[in-house]
Each structure stands twice: as C-alpha cells, then as structure tokens.
Amino acid sequence: MKLTEAEYPIGAVPVDGYGPGFFRVGGNVHEGAVIVSPVGVSGWGGIADRAGLLALAGQVDLLFLGMGADIAVPPADLIAELDGLGVMTEPMSSPSAARSYNVLLAEGRRVACALIPV
C-alpha cells in the first residue's frame, strides 16, 4: 500500500500531536484545551466556555468537539445553539476529533475542532 503525506491548504494549521494536558498544533505546543479554526489556535475554557465556539459561526460548517480521552455528551442546548448558527457539531474523543479534523482540513473543508486534553 502506498502512503502519502497529507497536504494542507496554505495557512491551515493541523493538529500534529497530543499528550497529557497539551496539544501540538502547527508545530507549536499549547497547554490545556484549545480551539483550532481557520483563523488559528486559541485557548479554550472547555464546554462551559461557549463564546469561543459560538464565534465559529460563519467561519466553519463543521465543528469536531473533542471531549477528552472518552466520548461524552455535550449539553443539548449548546448543540442546538450551534446548529441554529449553521455549525454542525460532532462530539467524540479528542484523539478522534483531532484526526477527523486533519482529514477534512486536508480536503479543504470549512472545519474546526475544540479539544479538551486527554
């Protein structure tokens, strides 16, 4: 099987890796939870910090919501609010969210991820 390295659009920042309490995004290490979007990487206060997620409206069509080491169900009202703003949300574990984000980013899709550390 032939493997090819992913190619990302110019200016896009992929999630390069993660570990206990951190994410490596675009070659830089970020401690704690992060939002990775078309405008860059920012710190995030977790599910209770809705402002960063709601600010994605108009920038992305899909948000991968990384809930940590395991999948957890985010508040239904948050999902409904994002949906009302045109942002489809997919909750999953943070490792899965980072991988899914990278795949769709390489396809040139309007995507973001919000990741809680493992």
PDB file of N, CA and C in Angstrom:
ATOM      1  N   MET A   1       0.843  -1.163   0.000  1.00  0.00           N
ATOM      2  CA  MET A   1       0.000   0.000   0.000  1.00  0.00           C
ATOM      3  C   MET A   1       0.896   1.235   0.000  1.00  0.00           C
ATOM      4  N   LYS A   2       0.561   2.150  -0.874  1.00  0.00           N
ATOM      5  CA  LYS A   2       1.310   3.398  -0.958  1.00  0.00           C
ATOM      6  C   LYS A   2       0.718   4.402   0.024  1.00  0.00           C
ATOM      7  N   LEU A   3       1.572   5.002   0.851  1.00  0.00           N
ATOM      8  CA  LEU A   3       1.145   6.025   1.797  1.00  0.00           C
ATOM      9  C   LEU A   3       1.625   7.378   1.304  1.00  0.00           C
ATOM     10  N   THR A   4       0.769   8.362   1.406  1.00  0.00           N
ATOM     11  CA  THR A   4       1.162   9.717   1.034  1.00  0.00           C
ATOM     12  C   THR A   4       0.923  10.635   2.221  1.00  0.00           C
ATOM     13  N   GLU A   5       1.803  11.594   2.373  1.00  0.00           N
ATOM     14  CA  GLU A   5       1.662  12.557   3.454  1.00  0.00           C
ATOM     15  C   GLU A   5       0.546  13.534   3.106  1.00  0.00           C
ATOM     16  N   ALA A   6      -0.228  13.910   4.117  1.00  0.00           N
ATOM     17  CA  ALA A   6      -1.322  14.851   3.899  1.00  0.00           C
ATOM     18  C   ALA A   6      -0.774  16.218   3.521  1.00  0.00           C
ATOM     19  N   GLU A   7      -1.461  16.869   2.599  1.00  0.00           N
ATOM     20  CA  GLU A   7      -1.121  18.233   2.218  1.00  0.00           C
ATOM     21  C   GLU A   7      -2.286  19.123   2.621  1.00  0.00           C
ATOM     22  N   TYR A   8      -1.960  20.208   3.313  1.00  0.00           N
ATOM     23  CA  TYR A   8      -2.983  21.106   3.828  1.00  0.00           C
ATOM     24  C   TYR A   8      -2.977  22.405   3.034  1.00  0.00           C
ATOM     25  N   PRO A   9      -4.137  23.067   2.961  1.00  0.00           N
ATOM     26  CA  PRO A   9      -4.185  24.366   2.279  1.00  0.00           C
ATOM     27  C   PRO A   9      -3.220  25.352   2.933  1.00  0.00           C
ATOM     28  N   ILE A  10      -2.762  26.308   2.168  1.00  0.00           N
ATOM     29  CA  ILE A  10      -1.843  27.324   2.685  1.00  0.00           C
ATOM     30  C   ILE A  10      -2.501  28.050   3.858  1.00  0.00           C
ATOM     31  N   GLY A  11      -1.755  28.152   4.942  1.00  0.00           N
ATOM     32  CA  GLY A  11      -2.242  28.838   6.134  1.00  0.00           C
ATOM     33  C   GLY A  11      -3.004  27.950   7.096  1.00  0.00           C
ATOM     34  N   ALA A  12      -3.366  26.740   6.688  1.00  0.00           N
ATOM     35  CA  ALA A  12      -4.108  25.832   7.559  1.00  0.00           C
ATOM     36  C   ALA A  12      -3.184  25.273   8.635  1.00  0.00           C
ATOM     37  N   VAL A  13      -3.720  25.054   9.829  1.00  0.00           N
ATOM     38  CA  VAL A  13      -2.918  24.516  10.925  1.00  0.00           C
ATOM     39  C   VAL A  13      -3.475  23.162  11.369  1.00  0.00           C
ATOM     40  N   PRO A  14      -2.747  22.082  11.073  1.00  0.00           N
ATOM     41  CA  PRO A  14      -3.191  20.760  11.507  1.00  0.00           C
ATOM     42  C   PRO A  14      -2.803  20.494  12.966  1.00  0.00           C
ATOM     43  N   VAL A  15      -3.493  19.547  13.567  1.00  0.00           N
ATOM     44  CA  VAL A  15      -3.117  19.065  14.891  1.00  0.00           C
ATOM     45  C   VAL A  15      -2.042  18.005  14.672  1.00  0.00           C
ATOM     46  N   ASP A  16      -0.823  18.297  15.151  1.00  0.00           N
ATOM     47  CA  ASP A  16       0.318  17.413  14.927  1.00  0.00           C
ATOM     48  C   ASP A  16       0.420  16.307  15.965  1.00  0.00           C
ATOM     49  N   GLY A  17      -0.083  16.535  17.166  1.00  0.00           N
ATOM     50  CA  GLY A  17       0.032  15.540  18.213  1.00  0.00           C
ATOM     51  C   GLY A  17      -0.618  16.030  19.492  1.00  0.00           C
ATOM     52  N   TYR A  18      -0.622  15.146  20.490  1.00  0.00           N
ATOM     53  CA  TYR A  18      -1.209  15.485  21.785  1.00  0.00           C
ATOM     54  C   TYR A  18      -0.587  14.592  22.847  1.00  0.00           C
ATOM     55  N   GLY A  19      -0.764  14.985  24.081  1.00  0.00           N
ATOM     56  CA  GLY A  19      -0.290  14.215  25.218  1.00  0.00           C
ATOM     57  C   GLY A  19      -1.035  14.667  26.455  1.00  0.00           C
ATOM     58  N   PRO A  20      -0.615  14.207  27.616  1.00  0.00           N
ATOM     59  CA  PRO A  20      -1.319  14.587  28.836  1.00  0.00           C
ATOM     60  C   PRO A  20      -1.303  16.100  29.055  1.00  0.00           C
ATOM     61  N   GLY A  21      -2.442  16.732  28.845  1.00  0.00           N
ATOM     62  CA  GLY A  21      -2.576  18.160  29.108  1.00  0.00           C
ATOM     63  C   GLY A  21      -2.152  19.110  28.015  1.00  0.00           C
ATOM     64  N   PHE A  22      -1.766  18.607  26.832  1.00  0.00           N
ATOM     65  CA  PHE A  22      -1.326  19.524  25.776  1.00  0.00           C
ATOM     66  C   PHE A  22      -1.700  19.010  24.388  1.00  0.00           C
ATOM     67  N   PHE A  23      -1.633  19.950  23.432  1.00  0.00           N
ATOM     68  CA  PHE A  23      -1.792  19.646  22.008  1.00  0.00           C
ATOM     69  C   PHE A  23      -0.667  20.328  21.260  1.00  0.00           C
ATOM     70  N   ARG A  24      -0.160  19.691  20.220  1.00  0.00           N
ATOM     71  CA  ARG A  24       0.816  20.323  19.324  1.00  0.00           C
ATOM     72  C   ARG A  24       0.072  20.635  18.033  1.00  0.00           C
ATOM     73  N   VAL A  25      -0.031  21.917  17.732  1.00  0.00           N
ATOM     74  CA  VAL A  25      -0.804  22.377  16.577  1.00  0.00           C
ATOM     75  C   VAL A  25       0.094  23.249  15.711  1.00  0.00           C
ATOM     76  N   GLY A  26       0.227  22.876  14.449  1.00  0.00           N
ATOM     77  CA  GLY A  26       1.061  23.652  13.541  1.00  0.00           C
ATOM     78  C   GLY A  26       2.490  23.778  14.032  1.00  0.00           C
ATOM     79  N   GLY A  27       2.976  22.774  14.762  1.00  0.00           N
ATOM     80  CA  GLY A  27       4.348  22.773  15.254  1.00  0.00           C
ATOM     81  C   GLY A  27       4.553  23.442  16.601  1.00  0.00           C
ATOM     82  N   ASN A  28       3.512  24.036  17.172  1.00  0.00           N
ATOM     83  CA  ASN A  28       3.617  24.722  18.467  1.00  0.00           C
ATOM     84  C   ASN A  28       2.829  23.977  19.539  1.00  0.00           C
ATOM     85  N   VAL A  29       3.375  23.912  20.739  1.00  0.00           N
ATOM     86  CA  VAL A  29       2.710  23.240  21.853  1.00  0.00           C
ATOM     87  C   VAL A  29       1.790  24.221  22.573  1.00  0.00           C
ATOM     88  N   HIS A  30       0.565  23.760  22.832  1.00  0.00           N
ATOM     89  CA  HIS A  30      -0.443  24.552  23.542  1.00  0.00           C
ATOM     90  C   HIS A  30      -0.918  23.744  24.740  1.00  0.00           C
ATOM     91  N   GLU A  31      -0.781  24.310  25.920  1.00  0.00           N
ATOM     92  CA  GLU A  31      -1.226  23.650  27.148  1.00  0.00           C
ATOM     93  C   GLU A  31      -2.731  23.845  27.314  1.00  0.00           C
ATOM     94  N   GLY A  32      -3.415  22.821  27.780  1.00  0.00           N
ATOM     95  CA  GLY A  32      -4.839  22.915  28.071  1.00  0.00           C
ATOM     96  C   GLY A  32      -5.701  22.765  26.834  1.00  0.00           C
ATOM     97  N   ALA A  33      -6.978  23.071  27.005  1.00  0.00           N
ATOM     98  CA  ALA A  33      -7.963  22.945  25.929  1.00  0.00           C
ATOM     99  C   ALA A  33      -7.743  24.032  24.877  1.00  0.00           C
ATOM    100  N   VAL A  34      -8.020  23.683  23.615  1.00  0.00           N
ATOM    101  CA  VAL A  34      -7.810  24.620  22.510  1.00  0.00           C
ATOM    102  C   VAL A  34      -8.958  24.551  21.509  1.00  0.00           C
ATOM    103  N   ILE A  35      -9.120  25.636  20.777  1.00  0.00           N
ATOM    104  CA  ILE A  35      -9.971  25.665  19.595  1.00  0.00           C
ATOM    105  C   ILE A  35      -9.042  25.906  18.411  1.00  0.00           C
ATOM    106  N   VAL A  36      -9.140  25.039  17.413  1.00  0.00           N
ATOM    107  CA  VAL A  36      -8.334  25.172  16.204  1.00  0.00           C
ATOM    108  C   VAL A  36      -9.306  25.477  15.063  1.00  0.00           C
ATOM    109  N   SER A  37      -9.127  26.625  14.437  1.00  0.00           N
ATOM    110  CA  SER A  37     -10.064  27.064  13.408  1.00  0.00           C
ATOM    111  C   SER A  37      -9.298  27.691  12.248  1.00  0.00           C
ATOM    112  N   PRO A  38     -10.012  28.117  11.212  1.00  0.00           N
ATOM    113  CA  PRO A  38      -9.334  28.755  10.076  1.00  0.00           C
ATOM    114  C   PRO A  38      -8.560  30.018  10.449  1.00  0.00           C
ATOM    115  N   VAL A  39      -8.877  30.631  11.587  1.00  0.00           N
ATOM    116  CA  VAL A  39      -8.162  31.839  11.982  1.00  0.00           C
ATOM    117  C   VAL A  39      -7.013  31.552  12.939  1.00  0.00           C
ATOM    118  N   GLY A  40      -6.790  30.290  13.281  1.00  0.00           N
ATOM    119  CA  GLY A  40      -5.663  29.938  14.135  1.00  0.00           C
ATOM    120  C   GLY A  40      -6.060  29.112  15.340  1.00  0.00           C
ATOM    121  N   VAL A  41      -5.217  29.176  16.349  1.00  0.00           N
ATOM    122  CA  VAL A  41      -5.393  28.389  17.572  1.00  0.00           C
ATOM    123  C   VAL A  41      -5.609  29.341  18.731  1.00  0.00           C
ATOM    124  N   SER A  42      -6.568  29.014  19.589  1.00  0.00           N
ATOM    125  CA  SER A  42      -6.791  29.830  20.776  1.00  0.00           C
ATOM    126  C   SER A  42      -7.061  28.926  21.966  1.00  0.00           C
ATOM    127  N   GLY A  43      -6.759  29.427  23.147  1.00  0.00           N
ATOM    128  CA  GLY A  43      -7.092  28.702  24.359  1.00  0.00           C
ATOM    129  C   GLY A  43      -8.599  28.628  24.517  1.00  0.00           C
ATOM    130  N   TRP A  44      -9.042  27.622  25.239  1.00  0.00           N
ATOM    131  CA  TRP A  44     -10.479  27.414  25.409  1.00  0.00           C
ATOM    132  C   TRP A  44     -10.737  26.969  26.834  1.00  0.00           C
ATOM    133  N   GLY A  45     -11.788  27.440  27.438  1.00  0.00           N
ATOM    134  CA  GLY A  45     -12.136  27.093  28.813  1.00  0.00           C
ATOM    135  C   GLY A  45     -12.977  25.846  28.953  1.00  0.00           C
ATOM    136  N   GLY A  46     -13.125  25.063  27.890  1.00  0.00           N
ATOM    137  CA  GLY A  46     -13.938  23.841  27.945  1.00  0.00           C
ATOM    138  C   GLY A  46     -15.399  24.126  27.640  1.00  0.00           C
ATOM    139  N   ILE A  47     -16.220  23.123  27.850  1.00  0.00           N
ATOM    140  CA  ILE A  47     -17.643  23.186  27.477  1.00  0.00           C
ATOM    141  C   ILE A  47     -18.348  24.408  28.064  1.00  0.00           C
ATOM    142  N   ALA A  48     -17.982  24.823  29.258  1.00  0.00           N
ATOM    143  CA  ALA A  48     -18.630  25.987  29.876  1.00  0.00           C
ATOM    144  C   ALA A  48     -18.302  27.288  29.150  1.00  0.00           C
ATOM    145  N   ASP A  49     -17.239  27.301  28.352  1.00  0.00           N
ATOM    146  CA  ASP A  49     -16.801  28.487  27.616  1.00  0.00           C
ATOM    147  C   ASP A  49     -17.410  28.456  26.211  1.00  0.00           C
ATOM    148  N   ARG A  50     -18.631  28.931  26.108  1.00  0.00           N
ATOM    149  CA  ARG A  50     -19.366  28.869  24.841  1.00  0.00           C
ATOM    150  C   ARG A  50     -18.959  29.947  23.846  1.00  0.00           C
ATOM    151  N   ALA A  51     -18.426  31.053  24.324  1.00  0.00           N
ATOM    152  CA  ALA A  51     -18.141  32.194  23.449  1.00  0.00           C
ATOM    153  C   ALA A  51     -17.217  31.820  22.298  1.00  0.00           C
ATOM    154  N   GLY A  52     -16.165  31.082  22.583  1.00  0.00           N
ATOM    155  CA  GLY A  52     -15.234  30.681  21.534  1.00  0.00           C
ATOM    156  C   GLY A  52     -15.875  29.792  20.491  1.00  0.00           C
ATOM    157  N   LEU A  53     -16.782  28.931  20.940  1.00  0.00           N
ATOM    158  CA  LEU A  53     -17.474  28.040  19.997  1.00  0.00           C
ATOM    159  C   LEU A  53     -18.473  28.817  19.150  1.00  0.00           C
ATOM    160  N   LEU A  54     -19.217  29.701  19.786  1.00  0.00           N
ATOM    161  CA  LEU A  54     -20.221  30.472  19.054  1.00  0.00           C
ATOM    162  C   LEU A  54     -19.579  31.430  18.056  1.00  0.00           C
ATOM    163  N   ALA A  55     -18.348  31.856  18.338  1.00  0.00           N
ATOM    164  CA  ALA A  55     -17.628  32.747  17.422  1.00  0.00           C
ATOM    165  C   ALA A  55     -17.262  32.051  16.111  1.00  0.00           C
ATOM    166  N   LEU A  56     -17.366  30.727  16.059  1.00  0.00           N
ATOM    167  CA  LEU A  56     -17.046  29.983  14.836  1.00  0.00           C
ATOM    168  C   LEU A  56     -18.129  30.115  13.766  1.00  0.00           C
ATOM    169  N   ALA A  57     -19.307  30.607  14.155  1.00  0.00           N
ATOM    170  CA  ALA A  57     -20.404  30.763  13.205  1.00  0.00           C
ATOM    171  C   ALA A  57     -19.961  31.637  12.041  1.00  0.00           C
ATOM    172  N   GLY A  58     -20.223  31.184  10.831  1.00  0.00           N
ATOM    173  CA  GLY A  58     -19.839  31.891   9.628  1.00  0.00           C
ATOM    174  C   GLY A  58     -18.447  31.546   9.139  1.00  0.00           C
ATOM    175  N   GLN A  59     -17.611  30.981  10.016  1.00  0.00           N
ATOM    176  CA  GLN A  59     -16.254  30.590   9.639  1.00  0.00           C
ATOM    177  C   GLN A  59     -16.161  29.127   9.222  1.00  0.00           C
ATOM    178  N   VAL A  60     -16.982  28.278   9.867  1.00  0.00           N
ATOM    179  CA  VAL A  60     -16.903  26.834   9.620  1.00  0.00           C
ATOM    180  C   VAL A  60     -18.296  26.247   9.458  1.00  0.00           C
ATOM    181  N   ASP A  61     -18.333  25.088   8.810  1.00  0.00           N
ATOM    182  CA  ASP A  61     -19.586  24.349   8.657  1.00  0.00           C
ATOM    183  C   ASP A  61     -19.672  23.201   9.648  1.00  0.00           C
ATOM    184  N   LEU A  62     -18.515  22.720  10.091  1.00  0.00           N
ATOM    185  CA  LEU A  62     -18.455  21.545  10.951  1.00  0.00           C
ATOM    186  C   LEU A  62     -17.450  21.757  12.070  1.00  0.00           C
ATOM    187  N   LEU A  63     -17.863  21.426  13.287  1.00  0.00           N
ATOM    188  CA  LEU A  63     -17.008  21.513  14.470  1.00  0.00           C
ATOM    189  C   LEU A  63     -16.880  20.131  15.077  1.00  0.00           C
ATOM    190  N   PHE A  64     -15.653  19.637  15.167  1.00  0.00           N
ATOM    191  CA  PHE A  64     -15.389  18.397  15.897  1.00  0.00           C
ATOM    192  C   PHE A  64     -15.139  18.789  17.345  1.00  0.00           C
ATOM    193  N   LEU A  65     -15.936  18.257  18.233  1.00  0.00           N
ATOM    194  CA  LEU A  65     -15.870  18.596  19.649  1.00  0.00           C
ATOM    195  C   LEU A  65     -15.199  17.446  20.392  1.00  0.00           C
ATOM    196  N   GLY A  66     -13.906  17.600  20.687  1.00  0.00           N
ATOM    197  CA  GLY A  66     -13.137  16.577  21.388  1.00  0.00           C
ATOM    198  C   GLY A  66     -13.369  16.671  22.882  1.00  0.00           C
ATOM    199  N   MET A  67     -13.996  15.643  23.457  1.00  0.00           N
ATOM    200  CA  MET A  67     -14.438  15.676  24.846  1.00  0.00           C
ATOM    201  C   MET A  67     -13.426  15.094  25.833  1.00  0.00           C
ATOM    202  N   GLY A  68     -12.166  14.926  25.423  1.00  0.00           N
ATOM    203  CA  GLY A  68     -11.155  14.350  26.308  1.00  0.00           C
ATOM    204  C   GLY A  68     -10.815  12.943  25.869  1.00  0.00           C
ATOM    205  N   ALA A  69     -10.417  12.106  26.814  1.00  0.00           N
ATOM    206  CA  ALA A  69      -9.990  10.743  26.491  1.00  0.00           C
ATOM    207  C   ALA A  69     -11.148   9.880  25.999  1.00  0.00           C
ATOM    208  N   ASP A  70     -12.342  10.154  26.481  1.00  0.00           N
ATOM    209  CA  ASP A  70     -13.525   9.368  26.105  1.00  0.00           C
ATOM    210  C   ASP A  70     -14.594  10.287  25.556  1.00  0.00           C
ATOM    211  N   ILE A  71     -15.503   9.706  24.800  1.00  0.00           N
ATOM    212  CA  ILE A  71     -16.617  10.496  24.297  1.00  0.00           C
ATOM    213  C   ILE A  71     -17.573  10.814  25.442  1.00  0.00           C
ATOM    214  N   ALA A  72     -18.107  11.992  25.433  1.00  0.00           N
ATOM    215  CA  ALA A  72     -19.106  12.430  26.407  1.00  0.00           C
ATOM    216  C   ALA A  72     -20.136  13.252  25.655  1.00  0.00           C
ATOM    217  N   VAL A  73     -21.299  13.318  26.193  1.00  0.00           N
ATOM    218  CA  VAL A  73     -22.378  14.047  25.524  1.00  0.00           C
ATOM    219  C   VAL A  73     -22.362  15.506  25.990  1.00  0.00           C
ATOM    220  N   PRO A  74     -22.169  16.439  25.050  1.00  0.00           N
ATOM    221  CA  PRO A  74     -22.207  17.861  25.424  1.00  0.00           C
ATOM    222  C   PRO A  74     -23.651  18.295  25.680  1.00  0.00           C
ATOM    223  N   PRO A  75     -23.846  19.431  26.326  1.00  0.00           N
ATOM    224  CA  PRO A  75     -25.207  19.916  26.588  1.00  0.00           C
ATOM    225  C   PRO A  75     -26.011  20.077  25.298  1.00  0.00           C
ATOM    226  N   ALA A  76     -27.231  19.570  25.319  1.00  0.00           N
ATOM    227  CA  ALA A  76     -28.105  19.615  24.136  1.00  0.00           C
ATOM    228  C   ALA A  76     -28.369  21.049  23.689  1.00  0.00           C
ATOM    229  N   ASP A  77     -28.486  21.988  24.633  1.00  0.00           N
ATOM    230  CA  ASP A  77     -28.763  23.374  24.249  1.00  0.00           C
ATOM    231  C   ASP A  77     -27.576  24.001  23.517  1.00  0.00           C
ATOM    232  N   LEU A  78     -26.359  23.587  23.847  1.00  0.00           N
ATOM    233  CA  LEU A  78     -25.175  24.079  23.128  1.00  0.00           C
ATOM    234  C   LEU A  78     -25.187  23.578  21.690  1.00  0.00           C
ATOM    235  N   ILE A  79     -25.457  22.303  21.513  1.00  0.00           N
ATOM    236  CA  ILE A  79     -25.517  21.716  20.164  1.00  0.00           C
ATOM    237  C   ILE A  79     -26.617  22.402  19.349  1.00  0.00           C
ATOM    238  N   ALA A  80     -27.765  22.629  19.963  1.00  0.00           N
ATOM    239  CA  ALA A  80     -28.879  23.286  19.273  1.00  0.00           C
ATOM    240  C   ALA A  80     -28.524  24.724  18.898  1.00  0.00           C
ATOM    241  N   GLU A  81     -27.836  25.435  19.782  1.00  0.00           N
ATOM    242  CA  GLU A  81     -27.456  26.818  19.501  1.00  0.00           C
ATOM    243  C   GLU A  81     -26.466  26.890  18.330  1.00  0.00           C
ATOM    244  N   LEU A  82     -25.481  25.995  18.339  1.00  0.00           N
ATOM    245  CA  LEU A  82     -24.520  25.958  17.233  1.00  0.00           C
ATOM    246  C   LEU A  82     -25.217  25.582  15.924  1.00  0.00           C
ATOM    247  N   ASP A  83     -26.108  24.608  15.994  1.00  0.00           N
ATOM    248  CA  ASP A  83     -26.856  24.194  14.801  1.00  0.00           C
ATOM    249  C   ASP A  83     -27.673  25.366  14.251  1.00  0.00           C
ATOM    250  N   GLY A  84     -28.279  26.125  15.135  1.00  0.00           N
ATOM    251  CA  GLY A  84     -29.044  27.296  14.721  1.00  0.00           C
ATOM    252  C   GLY A  84     -28.186  28.356  14.036  1.00  0.00           C
ATOM    253  N   LEU A  85     -26.888  28.342  14.335  1.00  0.00           N
ATOM    254  CA  LEU A  85     -25.952  29.272  13.712  1.00  0.00           C
ATOM    255  C   LEU A  85     -25.296  28.687  12.457  1.00  0.00           C
ATOM    256  N   GLY A  86     -25.719  27.466  12.086  1.00  0.00           N
ATOM    257  CA  GLY A  86     -25.194  26.837  10.878  1.00  0.00           C
ATOM    258  C   GLY A  86     -23.933  26.030  11.079  1.00  0.00           C
ATOM    259  N   VAL A  87     -23.611  25.699  12.342  1.00  0.00           N
ATOM    260  CA  VAL A  87     -22.407  24.909  12.639  1.00  0.00           C
ATOM    261  C   VAL A  87     -22.840  23.518  13.111  1.00  0.00           C
ATOM    262  N   MET A  88     -22.587  22.514  12.274  1.00  0.00           N
ATOM    263  CA  MET A  88     -22.869  21.138  12.665  1.00  0.00           C
ATOM    264  C   MET A  88     -21.787  20.686  13.642  1.00  0.00           C
ATOM    265  N   THR A  89     -22.171  20.011  14.704  1.00  0.00           N
ATOM    266  CA  THR A  89     -21.228  19.606  15.743  1.00  0.00           C
ATOM    267  C   THR A  89     -21.192  18.094  15.873  1.00  0.00           C
ATOM    268  N   GLU A  90     -19.974  17.545  15.930  1.00  0.00           N
ATOM    269  CA  GLU A  90     -19.759  16.109  16.097  1.00  0.00           C
ATOM    270  C   GLU A  90     -18.937  15.874  17.352  1.00  0.00           C
ATOM    271  N   PRO A  91     -19.560  15.462  18.461  1.00  0.00           N
ATOM    272  CA  PRO A  91     -18.782  15.162  19.665  1.00  0.00           C
ATOM    273  C   PRO A  91     -18.128  13.780  19.564  1.00  0.00           C
ATOM    274  N   MET A  92     -16.907  13.689  20.058  1.00  0.00           N
ATOM    275  CA  MET A  92     -16.156  12.430  20.065  1.00  0.00           C
ATOM    276  C   MET A  92     -14.979  12.594  21.013  1.00  0.00           C
ATOM    277  N   SER A  93     -14.158  11.570  21.157  1.00  0.00           N
ATOM    278  CA  SER A  93     -12.953  11.720  21.980  1.00  0.00           C
ATOM    279  C   SER A  93     -12.016  12.712  21.299  1.00  0.00           C
ATOM    280  N   SER A  94     -11.147  13.347  22.073  1.00  0.00           N
ATOM    281  CA  SER A  94     -10.227  14.327  21.498  1.00  0.00           C
ATOM    282  C   SER A  94      -9.279  13.734  20.459  1.00  0.00           C
ATOM    283  N   PRO A  95      -8.701  12.525  20.683  1.00  0.00           N
ATOM    284  CA  PRO A  95      -7.851  11.955  19.629  1.00  0.00           C
ATOM    285  C   PRO A  95      -8.606  11.750  18.316  1.00  0.00           C
ATOM    286  N   SER A  96      -9.833  11.261  18.390  1.00  0.00           N
ATOM    287  CA  SER A  96     -10.635  11.055  17.187  1.00  0.00           C
ATOM    288  C   SER A  96     -10.994  12.375  16.530  1.00  0.00           C
ATOM    289  N   ALA A  97     -11.306  13.383  17.344  1.00  0.00           N
ATOM    290  CA  ALA A  97     -11.656  14.703  16.810  1.00  0.00           C
ATOM    291  C   ALA A  97     -10.469  15.325  16.084  1.00  0.00           C
ATOM    292  N   ALA A  98      -9.273  15.186  16.645  1.00  0.00           N
ATOM    293  CA  ALA A  98      -8.075  15.751  16.008  1.00  0.00           C
ATOM    294  C   ALA A  98      -7.801  15.063  14.677  1.00  0.00           C
ATOM    295  N   ARG A  99      -7.914  13.739  14.637  1.00  0.00           N
ATOM    296  CA  ARG A  99      -7.683  13.011  13.376  1.00  0.00           C
ATOM    297  C   ARG A  99      -8.727  13.377  12.328  1.00  0.00           C
ATOM    298  N   SER A 100      -9.992  13.429  12.733  1.00  0.00           N
ATOM    299  CA  SER A 100     -11.067  13.761  11.791  1.00  0.00           C
ATOM    300  C   SER A 100     -10.898  15.177  11.255  1.00  0.00           C
ATOM    301  N   TYR A 101     -10.538  16.092  12.150  1.00  0.00           N
ATOM    302  CA  TYR A 101     -10.278  17.476  11.738  1.00  0.00           C
ATOM    303  C   TYR A 101      -9.182  17.526  10.675  1.00  0.00           C
ATOM    304  N   ASN A 102      -8.083  16.817  10.904  1.00  0.00           N
ATOM    305  CA  ASN A 102      -6.968  16.838   9.952  1.00  0.00           C
ATOM    306  C   ASN A 102      -7.372  16.298   8.590  1.00  0.00           C
ATOM    307  N   VAL A 103      -8.165  15.236   8.562  1.00  0.00           N
ATOM    308  CA  VAL A 103      -8.596  14.643   7.288  1.00  0.00           C
ATOM    309  C   VAL A 103      -9.425  15.650   6.493  1.00  0.00           C
ATOM    310  N   LEU A 104     -10.406  16.248   7.148  1.00  0.00           N
ATOM    311  CA  LEU A 104     -11.272  17.198   6.433  1.00  0.00           C
ATOM    312  C   LEU A 104     -10.546  18.502   6.110  1.00  0.00           C
ATOM    313  N   LEU A 105      -9.602  18.896   6.953  1.00  0.00           N
ATOM    314  CA  LEU A 105      -8.783  20.069   6.660  1.00  0.00           C
ATOM    315  C   LEU A 105      -7.979  19.847   5.388  1.00  0.00           C
ATOM    316  N   ALA A 106      -7.407  18.654   5.238  1.00  0.00           N
ATOM    317  CA  ALA A 106      -6.628  18.330   4.033  1.00  0.00           C
ATOM    318  C   ALA A 106      -7.503  18.324   2.788  1.00  0.00           C
ATOM    319  N   GLU A 107      -8.800  18.080   2.958  1.00  0.00           N
ATOM    320  CA  GLU A 107      -9.736  18.126   1.833  1.00  0.00           C
ATOM    321  C   GLU A 107     -10.180  19.546   1.511  1.00  0.00           C
ATOM    322  N   GLY A 108      -9.744  20.509   2.312  1.00  0.00           N
ATOM    323  CA  GLY A 108     -10.109  21.901   2.064  1.00  0.00           C
ATOM    324  C   GLY A 108     -11.471  22.291   2.602  1.00  0.00           C
ATOM    325  N   ARG A 109     -12.007  21.496   3.525  1.00  0.00           N
ATOM    326  CA  ARG A 109     -13.334  21.780   4.078  1.00  0.00           C
ATOM    327  C   ARG A 109     -13.264  22.892   5.128  1.00  0.00           C
ATOM    328  N   ARG A 110     -14.401  23.547   5.359  1.00  0.00           N
ATOM    329  CA  ARG A 110     -14.517  24.588   6.383  1.00  0.00           C
ATOM    330  C   ARG A 110     -14.810  23.914   7.718  1.00  0.00           C
ATOM    331  N   VAL A 111     -13.734  23.612   8.458  1.00  0.00           N
ATOM    332  CA  VAL A 111     -13.839  22.781   9.646  1.00  0.00           C
ATOM    333  C   VAL A 111     -13.011  23.370  10.785  1.00  0.00           C
ATOM    334  N   ALA A 112     -13.421  23.062  12.011  1.00  0.00           N
ATOM    335  CA  ALA A 112     -12.686  23.451  13.205  1.00  0.00           C
ATOM    336  C   ALA A 112     -12.775  22.313  14.206  1.00  0.00           C
ATOM    337  N   CYS A 113     -11.933  22.379  15.230  1.00  0.00           N
ATOM    338  CA  CYS A 113     -12.058  21.422  16.324  1.00  0.00           C
ATOM    339  C   CYS A 113     -11.831  22.160  17.647  1.00  0.00           C
ATOM    340  N   ALA A 114     -12.565  21.728  18.648  1.00  0.00           N
ATOM    341  CA  ALA A 114     -12.387  22.211  20.012  1.00  0.00           C
ATOM    342  C   ALA A 114     -12.011  20.986  20.834  1.00  0.00           C
ATOM    343  N   LEU A 115     -10.850  21.032  21.469  1.00  0.00           N
ATOM    344  CA  LEU A 115     -10.274  19.836  22.068  1.00  0.00           C
ATOM    345  C   LEU A 115      -9.986  20.028  23.549  1.00  0.00           C
ATOM    346  N   ILE A 116     -10.515  19.097  24.357  1.00  0.00           N
ATOM    347  CA  ILE A 116     -10.207  19.022  25.781  1.00  0.00           C
ATOM    348  C   ILE A 116      -9.079  18.012  25.923  1.00  0.00           C
ATOM    349  N   PRO A 117      -8.031  18.320  26.681  1.00  0.00           N
ATOM    350  CA  PRO A 117      -6.878  17.397  26.767  1.00  0.00           C
ATOM    351  C   PRO A 117      -7.254  16.031  27.336  1.00  0.00           C
ATOM    352  N   VAL A 118      -6.438  15.062  26.958  1.00  0.00           N
ATOM    353  CA  VAL A 118      -6.600  13.699  27.492  1.00  0.00           C
ATOM    354  C   VAL A 118      -5.855  13.600  28.794  1.00  0.00           C
TER     355      VAL A 118
END
